[in-house]
Amino acid sequence: MTVLTAPDNADEELVELINGTDDRLLIVQPSIGSADFPLLEAAIRAANRGVDVRILLGSQWYNEEENDALARRLRERTEGSENLEIRLAEGNGRFGKIHAKGVVADDTAVVGSLNWNDNSLRNNREVALAIQDEAVADYYAEVFDGDWRSDGTREIPVGILVVTIGAAGGTVLALKRRLEFKPANQ
């Protein structure tokens, strides 16, 4: 695990991580500062190398227009590239807006408070963790995929589901034996 902080090492470490990515690069941000932001430039270079790059941005009233314009500019700039996709998240019953700031780069997940804009990198105290673990990266990739599909779904292992249902059922039975409800007029 690597601790990334801004304004100290976050930008250099993230560019290095993105530059070393071979297969997948998933990015979730409420917004990105500009089309020439250094981390975004690194992501575009990764797509040009053949890395599958997907960028998920927020679509709230305060950032939808700006993010839509950025997405259009990137699509025009990378026209013909099958390796770069960018879209705005559709809020659903699972979440109301994108507030997450993270990256999945191959088998590394980066999560924290780092926004992809110059102010966040240069003027704010931001912290993120780069966790080099395939299981952690796969978990965040599954969450990303659910948000990308806009249905918010994520497969839950059957064993966890069975234990959860069993525990919930046992709790209901125990409470049923202990709780008595009286009509409000008594």
C-alpha atoms as a PDB file:
ATOM      1  CA  MET A   1       0.000   0.000   0.000  1.00  0.00           C
ATOM      2  CA  THR A   2       1.227   3.488  -0.865  1.00  0.00           C
ATOM      3  CA  VAL A   3      -0.024   6.680   0.749  1.00  0.00           C
ATOM      4  CA  LEU A   4      -0.553   9.465  -1.783  1.00  0.00           C
ATOM      5  CA  THR A   5      -0.858  13.016  -0.530  1.00  0.00           C
ATOM      6  CA  ALA A   6      -1.386  16.353  -2.171  1.00  0.00           C
ATOM      7  CA  PRO A   7       0.311  18.640  -2.614  1.00  0.00           C
ATOM      8  CA  ASP A   8       3.229  16.261  -1.994  1.00  0.00           C
ATOM      9  CA  ASN A   9       3.481  13.084  -4.116  1.00  0.00           C
ATOM     10  CA  ALA A  10      -0.015  12.285  -5.415  1.00  0.00           C
ATOM     11  CA  ASP A  11       0.303  13.642  -8.940  1.00  0.00           C
ATOM     12  CA  GLU A  12       3.685  12.052  -9.678  1.00  0.00           C
ATOM     13  CA  GLU A  13       2.692   8.701  -8.155  1.00  0.00           C
ATOM     14  CA  LEU A  14      -0.615   8.582 -10.039  1.00  0.00           C
ATOM     15  CA  VAL A  15       0.974   9.487 -13.376  1.00  0.00           C
ATOM     16  CA  GLU A  16       3.571   6.753 -12.792  1.00  0.00           C
ATOM     17  CA  LEU A  17       0.837   4.244 -11.917  1.00  0.00           C
ATOM     18  CA  ILE A  18      -1.219   5.152 -14.993  1.00  0.00           C
ATOM     19  CA  ASN A  19       1.867   5.058 -17.215  1.00  0.00           C
ATOM     20  CA  GLY A  20       2.551   1.511 -16.005  1.00  0.00           C
ATOM     21  CA  THR A  21      -0.995   0.247 -16.569  1.00  0.00           C
ATOM     22  CA  ASP A  22      -1.320  -2.576 -19.110  1.00  0.00           C
ATOM     23  CA  ASP A  23      -4.928  -3.806 -19.167  1.00  0.00           C
ATOM     24  CA  ARG A  24      -7.583  -1.736 -17.400  1.00  0.00           C
ATOM     25  CA  LEU A  25      -7.886   1.791 -16.109  1.00  0.00           C
ATOM     26  CA  LEU A  26     -11.159   2.753 -14.449  1.00  0.00           C
ATOM     27  CA  ILE A  27     -11.568   6.319 -13.215  1.00  0.00           C
ATOM     28  CA  VAL A  28     -14.408   7.748 -11.151  1.00  0.00           C
ATOM     29  CA  GLN A  29     -14.481  11.469 -10.381  1.00  0.00           C
ATOM     30  CA  PRO A  30     -17.197  14.051  -9.735  1.00  0.00           C
ATOM     31  CA  SER A  31     -15.453  16.140 -12.419  1.00  0.00           C
ATOM     32  CA  ILE A  32     -12.048  16.655 -14.038  1.00  0.00           C
ATOM     33  CA  GLY A  33     -10.437  20.075 -14.085  1.00  0.00           C
ATOM     34  CA  SER A  34      -9.731  20.310 -17.817  1.00  0.00           C
ATOM     35  CA  ALA A  35      -9.085  18.293 -20.960  1.00  0.00           C
ATOM     36  CA  ASP A  36      -5.336  18.878 -20.549  1.00  0.00           C
ATOM     37  CA  PHE A  37      -5.152  17.898 -16.862  1.00  0.00           C
ATOM     38  CA  PRO A  38      -1.946  15.819 -16.383  1.00  0.00           C
ATOM     39  CA  LEU A  39      -3.691  12.742 -14.938  1.00  0.00           C
ATOM     40  CA  LEU A  40      -6.230  12.782 -17.759  1.00  0.00           C
ATOM     41  CA  GLU A  41      -3.408  13.158 -20.289  1.00  0.00           C
ATOM     42  CA  ALA A  42      -1.787  10.054 -18.778  1.00  0.00           C
ATOM     43  CA  ALA A  43      -5.116   8.188 -19.106  1.00  0.00           C
ATOM     44  CA  ILE A  44      -5.372   9.172 -22.780  1.00  0.00           C
ATOM     45  CA  ARG A  45      -1.812   7.944 -23.374  1.00  0.00           C
ATOM     46  CA  ALA A  46      -2.805   4.650 -21.713  1.00  0.00           C
ATOM     47  CA  ALA A  47      -5.775   4.317 -24.091  1.00  0.00           C
ATOM     48  CA  ASN A  48      -3.465   5.029 -27.027  1.00  0.00           C
ATOM     49  CA  ARG A  49      -1.239   2.147 -25.791  1.00  0.00           C
ATOM     50  CA  GLY A  50      -4.241  -0.200 -25.890  1.00  0.00           C
ATOM     51  CA  VAL A  51      -5.330  -0.047 -22.243  1.00  0.00           C
ATOM     52  CA  ASP A  52      -9.112  -0.294 -21.702  1.00  0.00           C
ATOM     53  CA  VAL A  53      -9.864   3.134 -20.167  1.00  0.00           C
ATOM     54  CA  ARG A  54     -13.286   4.051 -18.803  1.00  0.00           C
ATOM     55  CA  ILE A  55     -14.012   7.363 -17.087  1.00  0.00           C
ATOM     56  CA  LEU A  56     -17.178   7.886 -15.045  1.00  0.00           C
ATOM     57  CA  LEU A  57     -18.083  11.480 -14.139  1.00  0.00           C
ATOM     58  CA  GLY A  58     -20.830  13.052 -12.076  1.00  0.00           C
ATOM     59  CA  SER A  59     -24.055  14.383 -13.573  1.00  0.00           C
ATOM     60  CA  GLN A  60     -25.387  16.674 -10.872  1.00  0.00           C
ATOM     61  CA  TRP A  61     -26.875  20.056 -11.775  1.00  0.00           C
ATOM     62  CA  TYR A  62     -23.641  21.799 -10.764  1.00  0.00           C
ATOM     63  CA  ASN A  63     -21.284  19.700 -12.921  1.00  0.00           C
ATOM     64  CA  GLU A  64     -23.379  18.083 -15.655  1.00  0.00           C
ATOM     65  CA  GLU A  65     -22.850  20.752 -18.321  1.00  0.00           C
ATOM     66  CA  GLU A  66     -19.103  20.979 -17.696  1.00  0.00           C
ATOM     67  CA  ASN A  67     -18.683  17.177 -17.622  1.00  0.00           C
ATOM     68  CA  ASP A  68     -20.798  16.703 -20.740  1.00  0.00           C
ATOM     69  CA  ALA A  69     -18.630  19.242 -22.584  1.00  0.00           C
ATOM     70  CA  LEU A  70     -15.449  17.492 -21.412  1.00  0.00           C
ATOM     71  CA  ALA A  71     -16.816  14.115 -22.536  1.00  0.00           C
ATOM     72  CA  ARG A  72     -17.644  15.538 -25.993  1.00  0.00           C
ATOM     73  CA  ARG A  73     -14.159  17.081 -26.324  1.00  0.00           C
ATOM     74  CA  LEU A  74     -12.495  13.807 -25.355  1.00  0.00           C
ATOM     75  CA  ARG A  75     -14.635  11.804 -27.775  1.00  0.00           C
ATOM     76  CA  GLU A  76     -13.732  14.207 -30.593  1.00  0.00           C
ATOM     77  CA  ARG A  77     -10.072  14.146 -29.620  1.00  0.00           C
ATOM     78  CA  THR A  78      -9.919  10.352 -29.494  1.00  0.00           C
ATOM     79  CA  GLU A  79     -12.328   9.640 -32.338  1.00  0.00           C
ATOM     80  CA  GLY A  80     -11.805   6.150 -33.635  1.00  0.00           C
ATOM     81  CA  SER A  81     -10.279   4.920 -30.371  1.00  0.00           C
ATOM     82  CA  GLU A  82     -12.030   1.863 -29.058  1.00  0.00           C
ATOM     83  CA  ASN A  83     -10.010   1.979 -25.851  1.00  0.00           C
ATOM     84  CA  LEU A  84     -11.380   5.157 -24.241  1.00  0.00           C
ATOM     85  CA  GLU A  85     -14.959   5.519 -23.034  1.00  0.00           C
ATOM     86  CA  ILE A  86     -16.301   8.359 -20.952  1.00  0.00           C
ATOM     87  CA  ARG A  87     -19.785   8.841 -19.594  1.00  0.00           C
ATOM     88  CA  LEU A  88     -21.755  10.677 -16.980  1.00  0.00           C
ATOM     89  CA  ALA A  89     -23.240   8.586 -14.209  1.00  0.00           C
ATOM     90  CA  GLU A  90     -26.966   8.370 -13.975  1.00  0.00           C
ATOM     91  CA  GLY A  91     -28.055   8.702 -10.368  1.00  0.00           C
ATOM     92  CA  ASN A  92     -30.265   5.849  -9.295  1.00  0.00           C
ATOM     93  CA  GLY A  93     -31.794   4.370  -6.193  1.00  0.00           C
ATOM     94  CA  ARG A  94     -28.382   3.209  -4.988  1.00  0.00           C
ATOM     95  CA  PHE A  95     -26.697   6.630  -5.063  1.00  0.00           C
ATOM     96  CA  GLY A  96     -27.708  10.187  -5.771  1.00  0.00           C
ATOM     97  CA  LYS A  97     -24.437  11.544  -7.118  1.00  0.00           C
ATOM     98  CA  ILE A  98     -20.838  10.677  -7.817  1.00  0.00           C
ATOM     99  CA  HIS A  99     -18.729  11.804  -4.891  1.00  0.00           C
ATOM    100  CA  ALA A 100     -16.147   9.027  -5.102  1.00  0.00           C
ATOM    101  CA  LYS A 101     -12.630   9.734  -6.233  1.00  0.00           C
ATOM    102  CA  GLY A 102     -10.829   6.643  -7.349  1.00  0.00           C
ATOM    103  CA  VAL A 103      -8.893   4.644  -9.883  1.00  0.00           C
ATOM    104  CA  VAL A 104      -8.498   0.973 -10.658  1.00  0.00           C
ATOM    105  CA  ALA A 105      -5.279   0.435 -12.589  1.00  0.00           C
ATOM    106  CA  ASP A 106      -4.777  -3.259 -13.350  1.00  0.00           C
ATOM    107  CA  ASP A 107      -4.435  -4.824  -9.860  1.00  0.00           C
ATOM    108  CA  THR A 108      -4.178  -1.561  -7.908  1.00  0.00           C
ATOM    109  CA  ALA A 109      -7.091   0.380  -6.439  1.00  0.00           C
ATOM    110  CA  VAL A 110      -6.643   4.034  -5.487  1.00  0.00           C
ATOM    111  CA  VAL A 111      -9.269   5.483  -3.166  1.00  0.00           C
ATOM    112  CA  GLY A 112      -9.289   8.748  -1.275  1.00  0.00           C
ATOM    113  CA  SER A 113     -10.208  12.404  -1.374  1.00  0.00           C
ATOM    114  CA  LEU A 114      -8.140  13.468  -4.395  1.00  0.00           C
ATOM    115  CA  ASN A 115     -10.147  15.384  -6.992  1.00  0.00           C
ATOM    116  CA  TRP A 116      -8.674  15.563 -10.486  1.00  0.00           C
ATOM    117  CA  ASN A 117      -8.109  19.312 -10.685  1.00  0.00           C
ATOM    118  CA  ASP A 118      -5.170  21.652 -10.146  1.00  0.00           C
ATOM    119  CA  ASN A 119      -6.599  23.164  -6.952  1.00  0.00           C
ATOM    120  CA  SER A 120      -6.872  19.746  -5.321  1.00  0.00           C
ATOM    121  CA  LEU A 121      -3.338  18.752  -6.343  1.00  0.00           C
ATOM    122  CA  ARG A 122      -1.648  22.061  -5.513  1.00  0.00           C
ATOM    123  CA  ASN A 123      -3.610  23.824  -2.770  1.00  0.00           C
ATOM    124  CA  ASN A 124      -5.582  21.257  -0.766  1.00  0.00           C
ATOM    125  CA  ARG A 125      -4.451  18.624   1.674  1.00  0.00           C
ATOM    126  CA  GLU A 126      -5.703  15.445   0.008  1.00  0.00           C
ATOM    127  CA  VAL A 127      -5.005  11.822   0.878  1.00  0.00           C
ATOM    128  CA  ALA A 128      -5.472   8.633  -1.126  1.00  0.00           C
ATOM    129  CA  LEU A 129      -4.337   5.053  -0.693  1.00  0.00           C
ATOM    130  CA  ALA A 130      -2.968   3.004  -3.574  1.00  0.00           C
ATOM    131  CA  ILE A 131      -3.685  -0.601  -2.624  1.00  0.00           C
ATOM    132  CA  GLN A 132      -1.811  -3.157  -4.723  1.00  0.00           C
ATOM    133  CA  ASP A 133      -4.073  -6.175  -4.297  1.00  0.00           C
ATOM    134  CA  GLU A 134      -5.941  -8.053  -7.020  1.00  0.00           C
ATOM    135  CA  ALA A 135      -8.971  -8.830  -4.806  1.00  0.00           C
ATOM    136  CA  VAL A 136      -9.334  -5.211  -3.686  1.00  0.00           C
ATOM    137  CA  ALA A 137      -8.946  -3.931  -7.252  1.00  0.00           C
ATOM    138  CA  ASP A 138     -11.498  -6.470  -8.501  1.00  0.00           C
ATOM    139  CA  TYR A 139     -13.961  -5.421  -5.783  1.00  0.00           C
ATOM    140  CA  TYR A 140     -13.722  -1.750  -6.782  1.00  0.00           C
ATOM    141  CA  ALA A 141     -13.919  -2.719 -10.452  1.00  0.00           C
ATOM    142  CA  GLU A 142     -17.204  -4.549  -9.756  1.00  0.00           C
ATOM    143  CA  VAL A 143     -18.604  -1.507  -7.964  1.00  0.00           C
ATOM    144  CA  PHE A 144     -17.441   0.691 -10.848  1.00  0.00           C
ATOM    145  CA  ASP A 145     -19.082  -1.654 -13.368  1.00  0.00           C
ATOM    146  CA  GLY A 146     -22.405  -1.453 -11.510  1.00  0.00           C
ATOM    147  CA  ASP A 147     -22.256   2.338 -11.498  1.00  0.00           C
ATOM    148  CA  TRP A 148     -21.155   2.326 -15.155  1.00  0.00           C
ATOM    149  CA  ARG A 149     -24.172   0.219 -16.119  1.00  0.00           C
ATOM    150  CA  SER A 150     -26.301   2.704 -14.140  1.00  0.00           C
ATOM    151  CA  ASP A 151     -28.139  -0.063 -12.390  1.00  0.00           C
ATOM    152  CA  GLY A 152     -25.866  -0.054  -9.364  1.00  0.00           C
ATOM    153  CA  THR A 153     -25.870  -3.838  -9.212  1.00  0.00           C
ATOM    154  CA  ARG A 154     -22.974  -5.899  -8.009  1.00  0.00           C
ATOM    155  CA  GLU A 155     -22.934  -9.644  -7.736  1.00  0.00           C
ATOM    156  CA  ILE A 156     -22.859 -10.889  -4.163  1.00  0.00           C
ATOM    157  CA  PRO A 157     -21.257 -14.276  -3.482  1.00  0.00           C
ATOM    158  CA  VAL A 158     -23.956 -16.860  -2.722  1.00  0.00           C
ATOM    159  CA  GLY A 159     -22.343 -17.857   0.599  1.00  0.00           C
ATOM    160  CA  ILE A 160     -22.534 -14.297   1.907  1.00  0.00           C
ATOM    161  CA  LEU A 161     -26.126 -14.032   0.726  1.00  0.00           C
ATOM    162  CA  VAL A 162     -27.134 -17.269   2.507  1.00  0.00           C
ATOM    163  CA  VAL A 163     -25.443 -16.228   5.762  1.00  0.00           C
ATOM    164  CA  THR A 164     -27.042 -12.762   5.594  1.00  0.00           C
ATOM    165  CA  ILE A 165     -30.526 -14.155   4.947  1.00  0.00           C
ATOM    166  CA  GLY A 166     -30.060 -16.725   7.725  1.00  0.00           C
ATOM    167  CA  ALA A 167     -28.891 -14.084  10.201  1.00  0.00           C
ATOM    168  CA  ALA A 168     -31.755 -11.769   9.260  1.00  0.00           C
ATOM    169  CA  GLY A 169     -34.264 -14.594   9.653  1.00  0.00           C
ATOM    170  CA  GLY A 170     -32.845 -15.551  13.041  1.00  0.00           C
ATOM    171  CA  THR A 171     -32.978 -11.938  14.185  1.00  0.00           C
ATOM    172  CA  VAL A 172     -36.621 -11.624  13.118  1.00  0.00           C
ATOM    173  CA  LEU A 173     -37.538 -14.814  15.003  1.00  0.00           C
ATOM    174  CA  ALA A 174     -35.713 -13.671  18.141  1.00  0.00           C
ATOM    175  CA  LEU A 175     -37.367 -10.248  18.027  1.00  0.00           C
ATOM    176  CA  LYS A 176     -40.783 -11.788  17.413  1.00  0.00           C
ATOM    177  CA  ARG A 177     -40.461 -13.688  20.678  1.00  0.00           C
ATOM    178  CA  ARG A 178     -39.408 -10.596  22.659  1.00  0.00           C
ATOM    179  CA  LEU A 179     -41.494  -7.803  21.206  1.00  0.00           C
ATOM    180  CA  GLU A 180     -45.147  -7.208  21.887  1.00  0.00           C
ATOM    181  CA  PHE A 181     -47.029  -4.527  20.034  1.00  0.00           C
ATOM    182  CA  LYS A 182     -50.023  -2.903  21.713  1.00  0.00           C
ATOM    183  CA  PRO A 183     -52.622  -0.857  19.905  1.00  0.00           C
ATOM    184  CA  ALA A 184     -52.028   2.896  20.155  1.00  0.00           C
ATOM    185  CA  ASN A 185     -55.297   3.507  22.028  1.00  0.00           C
ATOM    186  CA  GLN A 186     -54.272   1.444  25.099  1.00  0.00           C
END
